Amino acid sequence: MSNKIEFTESAKKEIARVVSENGTKMYFRISVQGGGCSGFKYNFSFDDKVNSNDIIFNKTLIDDNSLKIIEGSVIDFKKELIGNSFVINNPKASSSCGCGLSFSV
């Protein structure tokens, strides 16, 4: 596995901002969980510990099972009229829900 995930400059800046607001020992965690209207859903949270199955991308943690599903993705942060949000452009997703957080592979 190449662990290839790309973060846009916008996403890098926002992750650095939210992590610094939550403490220097804090990490931004991206995970994939079962559920959602399309089968899987993205989850964004904070964590203060690194697990043995985590891959570290700067101040972002992704567990190896989630990474297998989102490998090759581009992580972006978008500021829009309806709100600001992280967006994962996942080439492995065969369909996604209107909310943008739920998908199937």
PDB file of N, CA and C in Angstrom:
ATOM      1  N   MET A   1       0.845  -1.175   0.000  1.00  0.00           N
ATOM      2  CA  MET A   1       0.000   0.000   0.000  1.00  0.00           C
ATOM      3  C   MET A   1       0.890   1.237   0.000  1.00  0.00           C
ATOM      4  N   SER A   2       0.553   2.221  -0.814  1.00  0.00           N
ATOM      5  CA  SER A   2       1.395   3.403  -0.935  1.00  0.00           C
ATOM      6  C   SER A   2       1.025   4.493   0.057  1.00  0.00           C
ATOM      7  N   ASN A   3      -0.085   4.344   0.760  1.00  0.00           N
ATOM      8  CA  ASN A   3      -0.545   5.353   1.725  1.00  0.00           C
ATOM      9  C   ASN A   3      -0.742   6.714   1.072  1.00  0.00           C
ATOM     10  N   LYS A   4      -1.083   6.727  -0.208  1.00  0.00           N
ATOM     11  CA  LYS A   4      -1.203   7.987  -0.921  1.00  0.00           C
ATOM     12  C   LYS A   4      -2.524   8.681  -0.615  1.00  0.00           C
ATOM     13  N   ILE A   5      -2.408   9.788   0.074  1.00  0.00           N
ATOM     14  CA  ILE A   5      -3.529  10.691   0.332  1.00  0.00           C
ATOM     15  C   ILE A   5      -2.996  12.083   0.040  1.00  0.00           C
ATOM     16  N   GLU A   6      -3.778  12.870  -0.660  1.00  0.00           N
ATOM     17  CA  GLU A   6      -3.352  14.240  -0.950  1.00  0.00           C
ATOM     18  C   GLU A   6      -4.220  15.204  -0.156  1.00  0.00           C
ATOM     19  N   PHE A   7      -3.595  16.187   0.448  1.00  0.00           N
ATOM     20  CA  PHE A   7      -4.300  17.246   1.162  1.00  0.00           C
ATOM     21  C   PHE A   7      -4.111  18.544   0.393  1.00  0.00           C
ATOM     22  N   THR A   8      -5.210  19.244   0.090  1.00  0.00           N
ATOM     23  CA  THR A   8      -5.086  20.541  -0.563  1.00  0.00           C
ATOM     24  C   THR A   8      -4.526  21.546   0.441  1.00  0.00           C
ATOM     25  N   GLU A   9      -4.023  22.664  -0.057  1.00  0.00           N
ATOM     26  CA  GLU A   9      -3.505  23.711   0.833  1.00  0.00           C
ATOM     27  C   GLU A   9      -4.600  24.200   1.779  1.00  0.00           C
ATOM     28  N   SER A  10      -5.818  24.303   1.276  1.00  0.00           N
ATOM     29  CA  SER A  10      -6.945  24.737   2.104  1.00  0.00           C
ATOM     30  C   SER A  10      -7.181  23.763   3.257  1.00  0.00           C
ATOM     31  N   ALA A  11      -7.121  22.470   2.981  1.00  0.00           N
ATOM     32  CA  ALA A  11      -7.315  21.461   4.023  1.00  0.00           C
ATOM     33  C   ALA A  11      -6.162  21.497   5.025  1.00  0.00           C
ATOM     34  N   LYS A  12      -4.932  21.624   4.541  1.00  0.00           N
ATOM     35  CA  LYS A  12      -3.782  21.681   5.446  1.00  0.00           C
ATOM     36  C   LYS A  12      -3.893  22.859   6.405  1.00  0.00           C
ATOM     37  N   LYS A  13      -4.285  24.021   5.879  1.00  0.00           N
ATOM     38  CA  LYS A  13      -4.405  25.218   6.714  1.00  0.00           C
ATOM     39  C   LYS A  13      -5.513  25.054   7.745  1.00  0.00           C
ATOM     40  N   GLU A  14      -6.634  24.503   7.341  1.00  0.00           N
ATOM     41  CA  GLU A  14      -7.753  24.338   8.270  1.00  0.00           C
ATOM     42  C   GLU A  14      -7.438  23.300   9.336  1.00  0.00           C
ATOM     43  N   ILE A  15      -6.789  22.202   8.967  1.00  0.00           N
ATOM     44  CA  ILE A  15      -6.393  21.193   9.961  1.00  0.00           C
ATOM     45  C   ILE A  15      -5.419  21.813  10.958  1.00  0.00           C
ATOM     46  N   ALA A  16      -4.435  22.562  10.483  1.00  0.00           N
ATOM     47  CA  ALA A  16      -3.480  23.219  11.384  1.00  0.00           C
ATOM     48  C   ALA A  16      -4.205  24.181  12.320  1.00  0.00           C
ATOM     49  N   ARG A  17      -5.187  24.908  11.791  1.00  0.00           N
ATOM     50  CA  ARG A  17      -5.935  25.872  12.612  1.00  0.00           C
ATOM     51  C   ARG A  17      -6.741  25.171  13.697  1.00  0.00           C
ATOM     52  N   VAL A  18      -7.525  24.141  13.321  1.00  0.00           N
ATOM     53  CA  VAL A  18      -8.392  23.495  14.311  1.00  0.00           C
ATOM     54  C   VAL A  18      -7.587  22.675  15.314  1.00  0.00           C
ATOM     55  N   VAL A  19      -6.479  22.092  14.892  1.00  0.00           N
ATOM     56  CA  VAL A  19      -5.637  21.340  15.827  1.00  0.00           C
ATOM     57  C   VAL A  19      -5.007  22.295  16.832  1.00  0.00           C
ATOM     58  N   SER A  20      -4.511  23.449  16.370  1.00  0.00           N
ATOM     59  CA  SER A  20      -3.876  24.402  17.292  1.00  0.00           C
ATOM     60  C   SER A  20      -4.889  24.945  18.296  1.00  0.00           C
ATOM     61  N   GLU A  21      -6.144  25.079  17.892  1.00  0.00           N
ATOM     62  CA  GLU A  21      -7.188  25.549  18.813  1.00  0.00           C
ATOM     63  C   GLU A  21      -7.531  24.498  19.867  1.00  0.00           C
ATOM     64  N   ASN A  22      -7.250  23.234  19.586  1.00  0.00           N
ATOM     65  CA  ASN A  22      -7.615  22.154  20.493  1.00  0.00           C
ATOM     66  C   ASN A  22      -6.428  21.604  21.281  1.00  0.00           C
ATOM     67  N   GLY A  23      -5.269  22.196  21.156  1.00  0.00           N
ATOM     68  CA  GLY A  23      -4.117  21.775  21.958  1.00  0.00           C
ATOM     69  C   GLY A  23      -3.010  21.174  21.124  1.00  0.00           C
ATOM     70  N   THR A  24      -1.787  21.364  21.567  1.00  0.00           N
ATOM     71  CA  THR A  24      -0.637  20.928  20.789  1.00  0.00           C
ATOM     72  C   THR A  24      -0.503  19.416  20.725  1.00  0.00           C
ATOM     73  N   LYS A  25      -1.072  18.693  21.654  1.00  0.00           N
ATOM     74  CA  LYS A  25      -0.965  17.233  21.647  1.00  0.00           C
ATOM     75  C   LYS A  25      -2.160  16.589  20.947  1.00  0.00           C
ATOM     76  N   MET A  26      -2.946  17.375  20.256  1.00  0.00           N
ATOM     77  CA  MET A  26      -4.163  16.893  19.618  1.00  0.00           C
ATOM     78  C   MET A  26      -3.892  16.587  18.144  1.00  0.00           C
ATOM     79  N   TYR A  27      -4.624  15.599  17.625  1.00  0.00           N
ATOM     80  CA  TYR A  27      -4.568  15.233  16.212  1.00  0.00           C
ATOM     81  C   TYR A  27      -5.961  15.342  15.614  1.00  0.00           C
ATOM     82  N   PHE A  28      -6.024  15.586  14.312  1.00  0.00           N
ATOM     83  CA  PHE A  28      -7.257  15.548  13.547  1.00  0.00           C
ATOM     84  C   PHE A  28      -7.368  14.124  13.015  1.00  0.00           C
ATOM     85  N   ARG A  29      -8.504  13.461  13.258  1.00  0.00           N
ATOM     86  CA  ARG A  29      -8.664  12.065  12.845  1.00  0.00           C
ATOM     87  C   ARG A  29      -9.708  11.976  11.728  1.00  0.00           C
ATOM     88  N   ILE A  30      -9.348  11.250  10.671  1.00  0.00           N
ATOM     89  CA  ILE A  30     -10.277  10.921   9.590  1.00  0.00           C
ATOM     90  C   ILE A  30     -10.479   9.417   9.635  1.00  0.00           C
ATOM     91  N   SER A  31     -11.740   8.997   9.686  1.00  0.00           N
ATOM     92  CA  SER A  31     -12.023   7.563   9.683  1.00  0.00           C
ATOM     93  C   SER A  31     -13.223   7.264   8.800  1.00  0.00           C
ATOM     94  N   VAL A  32     -13.325   6.016   8.415  1.00  0.00           N
ATOM     95  CA  VAL A  32     -14.467   5.535   7.632  1.00  0.00           C
ATOM     96  C   VAL A  32     -15.203   4.542   8.513  1.00  0.00           C
ATOM     97  N   GLN A  33     -16.519   4.733   8.622  1.00  0.00           N
ATOM     98  CA  GLN A  33     -17.344   3.857   9.449  1.00  0.00           C
ATOM     99  C   GLN A  33     -18.470   3.281   8.611  1.00  0.00           C
ATOM    100  N   GLY A  34     -18.941   2.112   9.010  1.00  0.00           N
ATOM    101  CA  GLY A  34     -20.113   1.539   8.361  1.00  0.00           C
ATOM    102  C   GLY A  34     -21.339   2.364   8.726  1.00  0.00           C
ATOM    103  N   GLY A  35     -22.297   2.404   7.828  1.00  0.00           N
ATOM    104  CA  GLY A  35     -23.514   3.173   8.082  1.00  0.00           C
ATOM    105  C   GLY A  35     -23.683   4.272   7.067  1.00  0.00           C
ATOM    106  N   GLY A  36     -24.537   5.202   7.377  1.00  0.00           N
ATOM    107  CA  GLY A  36     -24.837   6.262   6.431  1.00  0.00           C
ATOM    108  C   GLY A  36     -25.800   5.759   5.380  1.00  0.00           C
ATOM    109  N   CYS A  37     -26.321   6.639   4.584  1.00  0.00           N
ATOM    110  CA  CYS A  37     -27.342   6.241   3.609  1.00  0.00           C
ATOM    111  C   CYS A  37     -26.781   5.473   2.422  1.00  0.00           C
ATOM    112  N   SER A  38     -25.452   5.475   2.239  1.00  0.00           N
ATOM    113  CA  SER A  38     -24.873   4.773   1.087  1.00  0.00           C
ATOM    114  C   SER A  38     -23.965   3.609   1.475  1.00  0.00           C
ATOM    115  N   GLY A  39     -23.869   3.266   2.743  1.00  0.00           N
ATOM    116  CA  GLY A  39     -23.065   2.116   3.149  1.00  0.00           C
ATOM    117  C   GLY A  39     -21.897   2.447   4.056  1.00  0.00           C
ATOM    118  N   PHE A  40     -21.133   3.491   3.711  1.00  0.00           N
ATOM    119  CA  PHE A  40     -20.020   3.955   4.538  1.00  0.00           C
ATOM    120  C   PHE A  40     -20.208   5.434   4.782  1.00  0.00           C
ATOM    121  N   LYS A  41     -19.559   5.943   5.833  1.00  0.00           N
ATOM    122  CA  LYS A  41     -19.574   7.383   6.046  1.00  0.00           C
ATOM    123  C   LYS A  41     -18.225   7.837   6.583  1.00  0.00           C
ATOM    124  N   TYR A  42     -17.860   9.061   6.207  1.00  0.00           N
ATOM    125  CA  TYR A  42     -16.634   9.671   6.680  1.00  0.00           C
ATOM    126  C   TYR A  42     -16.894  10.267   8.058  1.00  0.00           C
ATOM    127  N   ASN A  43     -15.924  10.157   8.932  1.00  0.00           N
ATOM    128  CA  ASN A  43     -16.030  10.746  10.253  1.00  0.00           C
ATOM    129  C   ASN A  43     -14.788  11.595  10.512  1.00  0.00           C
ATOM    130  N   PHE A  44     -15.000  12.814  10.975  1.00  0.00           N
ATOM    131  CA  PHE A  44     -13.924  13.731  11.307  1.00  0.00           C
ATOM    132  C   PHE A  44     -14.003  14.019  12.800  1.00  0.00           C
ATOM    133  N   SER A  45     -12.882  13.839  13.508  1.00  0.00           N
ATOM    134  CA  SER A  45     -12.893  14.051  14.952  1.00  0.00           C
ATOM    135  C   SER A  45     -11.497  14.450  15.413  1.00  0.00           C
ATOM    136  N   PHE A  46     -11.345  14.605  16.715  1.00  0.00           N
ATOM    137  CA  PHE A  46     -10.047  14.914  17.311  1.00  0.00           C
ATOM    138  C   PHE A  46      -9.645  13.763  18.217  1.00  0.00           C
ATOM    139  N   ASP A  47      -8.352  13.545  18.336  1.00  0.00           N
ATOM    140  CA  ASP A  47      -7.851  12.476  19.182  1.00  0.00           C
ATOM    141  C   ASP A  47      -6.528  12.937  19.782  1.00  0.00           C
ATOM    142  N   ASP A  48      -6.278  12.533  21.020  1.00  0.00           N
ATOM    143  CA  ASP A  48      -5.010  12.913  21.648  1.00  0.00           C
ATOM    144  C   ASP A  48      -4.049  11.743  21.756  1.00  0.00           C
ATOM    145  N   LYS A  49      -4.407  10.607  21.124  1.00  0.00           N
ATOM    146  CA  LYS A  49      -3.495   9.465  21.155  1.00  0.00           C
ATOM    147  C   LYS A  49      -3.397   8.824  19.776  1.00  0.00           C
ATOM    148  N   VAL A  50      -2.226   8.270  19.520  1.00  0.00           N
ATOM    149  CA  VAL A  50      -1.969   7.570  18.265  1.00  0.00           C
ATOM    150  C   VAL A  50      -2.061   6.075  18.557  1.00  0.00           C
ATOM    151  N   ASN A  51      -2.926   5.380  17.829  1.00  0.00           N
ATOM    152  CA  ASN A  51      -3.081   3.936  17.992  1.00  0.00           C
ATOM    153  C   ASN A  51      -2.047   3.199  17.129  1.00  0.00           C
ATOM    154  N   SER A  52      -1.817   1.936  17.444  1.00  0.00           N
ATOM    155  CA  SER A  52      -0.799   1.165  16.728  1.00  0.00           C
ATOM    156  C   SER A  52      -1.121   0.985  15.240  1.00  0.00           C
ATOM    157  N   ASN A  53      -2.406   1.070  14.861  1.00  0.00           N
ATOM    158  CA  ASN A  53      -2.782   0.897  13.453  1.00  0.00           C
ATOM    159  C   ASN A  53      -3.004   2.232  12.739  1.00  0.00           C
ATOM    160  N   ASP A  54      -2.582   3.342  13.342  1.00  0.00           N
ATOM    161  CA  ASP A  54      -2.749   4.661  12.730  1.00  0.00           C
ATOM    162  C   ASP A  54      -1.574   5.006  11.837  1.00  0.00           C
ATOM    163  N   ILE A  55      -1.882   5.659  10.742  1.00  0.00           N
ATOM    164  CA  ILE A  55      -0.876   6.258   9.864  1.00  0.00           C
ATOM    165  C   ILE A  55      -0.969   7.755  10.114  1.00  0.00           C
ATOM    166  N   ILE A  56       0.178   8.415  10.282  1.00  0.00           N
ATOM    167  CA  ILE A  56       0.195   9.840  10.587  1.00  0.00           C
ATOM    168  C   ILE A  56       0.561  10.620   9.327  1.00  0.00           C
ATOM    169  N   PHE A  57      -0.291  11.580   8.992  1.00  0.00           N
ATOM    170  CA  PHE A  57      -0.042  12.532   7.908  1.00  0.00           C
ATOM    171  C   PHE A  57       0.015  13.902   8.565  1.00  0.00           C
ATOM    172  N   ASN A  58       1.217  14.364   8.911  1.00  0.00           N
ATOM    173  CA  ASN A  58       1.406  15.612   9.629  1.00  0.00           C
ATOM    174  C   ASN A  58       0.619  15.542  10.944  1.00  0.00           C
ATOM    175  N   LYS A  59      -0.437  16.314  11.136  1.00  0.00           N
ATOM    176  CA  LYS A  59      -1.233  16.274  12.367  1.00  0.00           C
ATOM    177  C   LYS A  59      -2.559  15.540  12.147  1.00  0.00           C
ATOM    178  N   THR A  60      -2.617  14.702  11.120  1.00  0.00           N
ATOM    179  CA  THR A  60      -3.837  13.947  10.822  1.00  0.00           C
ATOM    180  C   THR A  60      -3.570  12.458  11.004  1.00  0.00           C
ATOM    181  N   LEU A  61      -4.510  11.779  11.653  1.00  0.00           N
ATOM    182  CA  LEU A  61      -4.433  10.332  11.853  1.00  0.00           C
ATOM    183  C   LEU A  61      -5.484   9.645  10.995  1.00  0.00           C
ATOM    184  N   ILE A  62      -5.094   8.553  10.347  1.00  0.00           N
ATOM    185  CA  ILE A  62      -6.037   7.708   9.604  1.00  0.00           C
ATOM    186  C   ILE A  62      -5.669   6.266   9.933  1.00  0.00           C
ATOM    187  N   ASP A  63      -6.631   5.500  10.460  1.00  0.00           N
ATOM    188  CA  ASP A  63      -6.329   4.102  10.770  1.00  0.00           C
ATOM    189  C   ASP A  63      -6.171   3.322   9.471  1.00  0.00           C
ATOM    190  N   ASP A  64      -5.418   2.223   9.520  1.00  0.00           N
ATOM    191  CA  ASP A  64      -5.071   1.515   8.283  1.00  0.00           C
ATOM    192  C   ASP A  64      -6.291   0.939   7.561  1.00  0.00           C
ATOM    193  N   ASN A  65      -7.351   0.545   8.270  1.00  0.00           N
ATOM    194  CA  ASN A  65      -8.559   0.050   7.588  1.00  0.00           C
ATOM    195  C   ASN A  65      -9.261   1.164   6.819  1.00  0.00           C
ATOM    196  N   SER A  66      -9.354   2.342   7.425  1.00  0.00           N
ATOM    197  CA  SER A  66      -9.960   3.485   6.735  1.00  0.00           C
ATOM    198  C   SER A  66      -9.110   3.903   5.546  1.00  0.00           C
ATOM    199  N   LEU A  67      -7.792   3.855   5.729  1.00  0.00           N
ATOM    200  CA  LEU A  67      -6.886   4.258   4.660  1.00  0.00           C
ATOM    201  C   LEU A  67      -7.048   3.380   3.424  1.00  0.00           C
ATOM    202  N   LYS A  68      -7.296   2.083   3.634  1.00  0.00           N
ATOM    203  CA  LYS A  68      -7.497   1.187   2.494  1.00  0.00           C
ATOM    204  C   LYS A  68      -8.692   1.632   1.650  1.00  0.00           C
ATOM    205  N   ILE A  69      -9.700   2.208   2.295  1.00  0.00           N
ATOM    206  CA  ILE A  69     -10.913   2.628   1.591  1.00  0.00           C
ATOM    207  C   ILE A  69     -10.735   3.990   0.927  1.00  0.00           C
ATOM    208  N   ILE A  70      -9.968   4.885   1.548  1.00  0.00           N
ATOM    209  CA  ILE A  70      -9.839   6.238   0.999  1.00  0.00           C
ATOM    210  C   ILE A  70      -8.494   6.502   0.325  1.00  0.00           C
ATOM    211  N   GLU A  71      -7.650   5.472   0.219  1.00  0.00           N
ATOM    212  CA  GLU A  71      -6.358   5.650  -0.440  1.00  0.00           C
ATOM    213  C   GLU A  71      -6.560   6.201  -1.851  1.00  0.00           C
ATOM    214  N   GLY A  72      -5.745   7.171  -2.214  1.00  0.00           N
ATOM    215  CA  GLY A  72      -5.863   7.807  -3.521  1.00  0.00           C
ATOM    216  C   GLY A  72      -6.773   9.026  -3.518  1.00  0.00           C
ATOM    217  N   SER A  73      -7.358   9.327  -2.366  1.00  0.00           N
ATOM    218  CA  SER A  73      -8.290  10.447  -2.254  1.00  0.00           C
ATOM    219  C   SER A  73      -7.577  11.785  -2.100  1.00  0.00           C
ATOM    220  N   VAL A  74      -8.328  12.831  -2.386  1.00  0.00           N
ATOM    221  CA  VAL A  74      -7.881  14.198  -2.135  1.00  0.00           C
ATOM    222  C   VAL A  74      -8.776  14.756  -1.031  1.00  0.00           C
ATOM    223  N   ILE A  75      -8.141  15.228   0.049  1.00  0.00           N
ATOM    224  CA  ILE A  75      -8.863  15.830   1.161  1.00  0.00           C
ATOM    225  C   ILE A  75      -8.837  17.333   0.946  1.00  0.00           C
ATOM    226  N   ASP A  76     -10.017  17.950   0.945  1.00  0.00           N
ATOM    227  CA  ASP A  76     -10.132  19.386   0.698  1.00  0.00           C
ATOM    228  C   ASP A  76     -10.971  20.019   1.807  1.00  0.00           C
ATOM    229  N   PHE A  77     -10.864  21.319   1.947  1.00  0.00           N
ATOM    230  CA  PHE A  77     -11.718  22.075   2.861  1.00  0.00           C
ATOM    231  C   PHE A  77     -12.370  23.167   2.035  1.00  0.00           C
ATOM    232  N   LYS A  78     -13.695  23.196   2.049  1.00  0.00           N
ATOM    233  CA  LYS A  78     -14.434  24.150   1.221  1.00  0.00           C
ATOM    234  C   LYS A  78     -15.214  25.115   2.090  1.00  0.00           C
ATOM    235  N   LYS A  79     -15.153  26.375   1.707  1.00  0.00           N
ATOM    236  CA  LYS A  79     -15.945  27.419   2.356  1.00  0.00           C
ATOM    237  C   LYS A  79     -17.043  27.794   1.371  1.00  0.00           C
ATOM    238  N   GLU A  80     -18.288  27.527   1.778  1.00  0.00           N
ATOM    239  CA  GLU A  80     -19.428  27.802   0.903  1.00  0.00           C
ATOM    240  C   GLU A  80     -20.495  28.555   1.683  1.00  0.00           C
ATOM    241  N   LEU A  81     -21.470  29.089   0.977  1.00  0.00           N
ATOM    242  CA  LEU A  81     -22.548  29.823   1.630  1.00  0.00           C
ATOM    243  C   LEU A  81     -23.304  28.968   2.639  1.00  0.00           C
ATOM    244  N   ILE A  82     -23.448  27.675   2.343  1.00  0.00           N
ATOM    245  CA  ILE A  82     -24.204  26.801   3.244  1.00  0.00           C
ATOM    246  C   ILE A  82     -23.366  26.325   4.425  1.00  0.00           C
ATOM    247  N   GLY A  83     -22.073  26.641   4.429  1.00  0.00           N
ATOM    248  CA  GLY A  83     -21.209  26.265   5.541  1.00  0.00           C
ATOM    249  C   GLY A  83     -19.848  25.804   5.067  1.00  0.00           C
ATOM    250  N   ASN A  84     -18.966  25.645   6.015  1.00  0.00           N
ATOM    251  CA  ASN A  84     -17.615  25.174   5.731  1.00  0.00           C
ATOM    252  C   ASN A  84     -17.525  23.695   6.056  1.00  0.00           C
ATOM    253  N   SER A  85     -16.793  22.934   5.240  1.00  0.00           N
ATOM    254  CA  SER A  85     -16.699  21.502   5.510  1.00  0.00           C
ATOM    255  C   SER A  85     -15.483  20.891   4.827  1.00  0.00           C
ATOM    256  N   PHE A  86     -15.035  19.780   5.423  1.00  0.00           N
ATOM    257  CA  PHE A  86     -14.015  18.970   4.782  1.00  0.00           C
ATOM    258  C   PHE A  86     -14.707  18.082   3.757  1.00  0.00           C
ATOM    259  N   VAL A  87     -14.051  17.894   2.618  1.00  0.00           N
ATOM    260  CA  VAL A  87     -14.600  17.093   1.528  1.00  0.00           C
ATOM    261  C   VAL A  87     -13.528  16.084   1.123  1.00  0.00           C
ATOM    262  N   ILE A  88     -13.944  14.835   0.954  1.00  0.00           N
ATOM    263  CA  ILE A  88     -13.030  13.794   0.488  1.00  0.00           C
ATOM    264  C   ILE A  88     -13.445  13.393  -0.917  1.00  0.00           C
ATOM    265  N   ASN A  89     -12.570  13.643  -1.877  1.00  0.00           N
ATOM    266  CA  ASN A  89     -12.805  13.224  -3.259  1.00  0.00           C
ATOM    267  C   ASN A  89     -12.159  11.854  -3.412  1.00  0.00           C
ATOM    268  N   ASN A  90     -12.993  10.816  -3.263  1.00  0.00           N
ATOM    269  CA  ASN A  90     -12.525   9.437  -3.215  1.00  0.00           C
ATOM    270  C   ASN A  90     -12.760   8.749  -4.562  1.00  0.00           C
ATOM    271  N   PRO A  91     -11.684   8.393  -5.276  1.00  0.00           N
ATOM    272  CA  PRO A  91     -11.858   7.742  -6.574  1.00  0.00           C
ATOM    273  C   PRO A  91     -12.449   6.332  -6.457  1.00  0.00           C
ATOM    274  N   LYS A  92     -12.425   5.740  -5.267  1.00  0.00           N
ATOM    275  CA  LYS A  92     -12.974   4.403  -5.074  1.00  0.00           C
ATOM    276  C   LYS A  92     -14.476   4.421  -4.803  1.00  0.00           C
ATOM    277  N   ALA A  93     -15.041   5.594  -4.514  1.00  0.00           N
ATOM    278  CA  ALA A  93     -16.473   5.684  -4.223  1.00  0.00           C
ATOM    279  C   ALA A  93     -17.267   5.541  -5.517  1.00  0.00           C
ATOM    280  N   SER A  94     -18.136   4.532  -5.561  1.00  0.00           N
ATOM    281  CA  SER A  94     -18.934   4.313  -6.765  1.00  0.00           C
ATOM    282  C   SER A  94     -20.193   5.161  -6.758  1.00  0.00           C
ATOM    283  N   SER A  95     -20.653   5.548  -5.576  1.00  0.00           N
ATOM    284  CA  SER A  95     -21.785   6.465  -5.469  1.00  0.00           C
ATOM    285  C   SER A  95     -21.709   7.154  -4.130  1.00  0.00           C
ATOM    286  N   SER A  96     -22.366   8.290  -4.032  1.00  0.00           N
ATOM    287  CA  SER A  96     -22.379   9.011  -2.767  1.00  0.00           C
ATOM    288  C   SER A  96     -23.732   9.653  -2.570  1.00  0.00           C
ATOM    289  N   CYS A  97     -23.982  10.012  -1.358  1.00  0.00           N
ATOM    290  CA  CYS A  97     -25.259  10.596  -0.961  1.00  0.00           C
ATOM    291  C   CYS A  97     -25.155  12.106  -1.114  1.00  0.00           C
ATOM    292  N   GLY A  98     -26.251  12.799  -1.110  1.00  0.00           N
ATOM    293  CA  GLY A  98     -26.271  14.242  -1.245  1.00  0.00           C
ATOM    294  C   GLY A  98     -25.544  14.972  -0.138  1.00  0.00           C
ATOM    295  N   CYS A  99     -25.430  14.349   1.036  1.00  0.00           N
ATOM    296  CA  CYS A  99     -24.761  15.007   2.160  1.00  0.00           C
ATOM    297  C   CYS A  99     -23.256  15.082   1.965  1.00  0.00           C
ATOM    298  N   GLY A 100     -22.703  14.237   1.092  1.00  0.00           N
ATOM    299  CA  GLY A 100     -21.275  14.239   0.831  1.00  0.00           C
ATOM    300  C   GLY A 100     -20.447  13.461   1.828  1.00  0.00           C
ATOM    301  N   LEU A 101     -21.062  12.971   2.907  1.00  0.00           N
ATOM    302  CA  LEU A 101     -20.332  12.203   3.909  1.00  0.00           C
ATOM    303  C   LEU A 101     -20.556  10.720   3.789  1.00  0.00           C
ATOM    304  N   SER A 102     -21.567  10.306   3.041  1.00  0.00           N
ATOM    305  CA  SER A 102     -21.924   8.902   2.914  1.00  0.00           C
ATOM    306  C   SER A 102     -21.611   8.432   1.492  1.00  0.00           C
ATOM    307  N   PHE A 103     -21.095   7.200   1.382  1.00  0.00           N
ATOM    308  CA  PHE A 103     -20.699   6.717   0.057  1.00  0.00           C
ATOM    309  C   PHE A 103     -20.690   5.197   0.035  1.00  0.00           C
ATOM    310  N   SER A 104     -20.571   4.631  -1.155  1.00  0.00           N
ATOM    311  CA  SER A 104     -20.395   3.183  -1.308  1.00  0.00           C
ATOM    312  C   SER A 104     -19.200   2.951  -2.226  1.00  0.00           C
ATOM    313  N   VAL A 105     -18.606   1.744  -2.085  1.00  0.00           N
ATOM    314  CA  VAL A 105     -17.460   1.393  -2.938  1.00  0.00           C
ATOM    315  C   VAL A 105     -17.776   0.153  -3.721  1.00  0.00           C
TER     316      VAL A 105
END
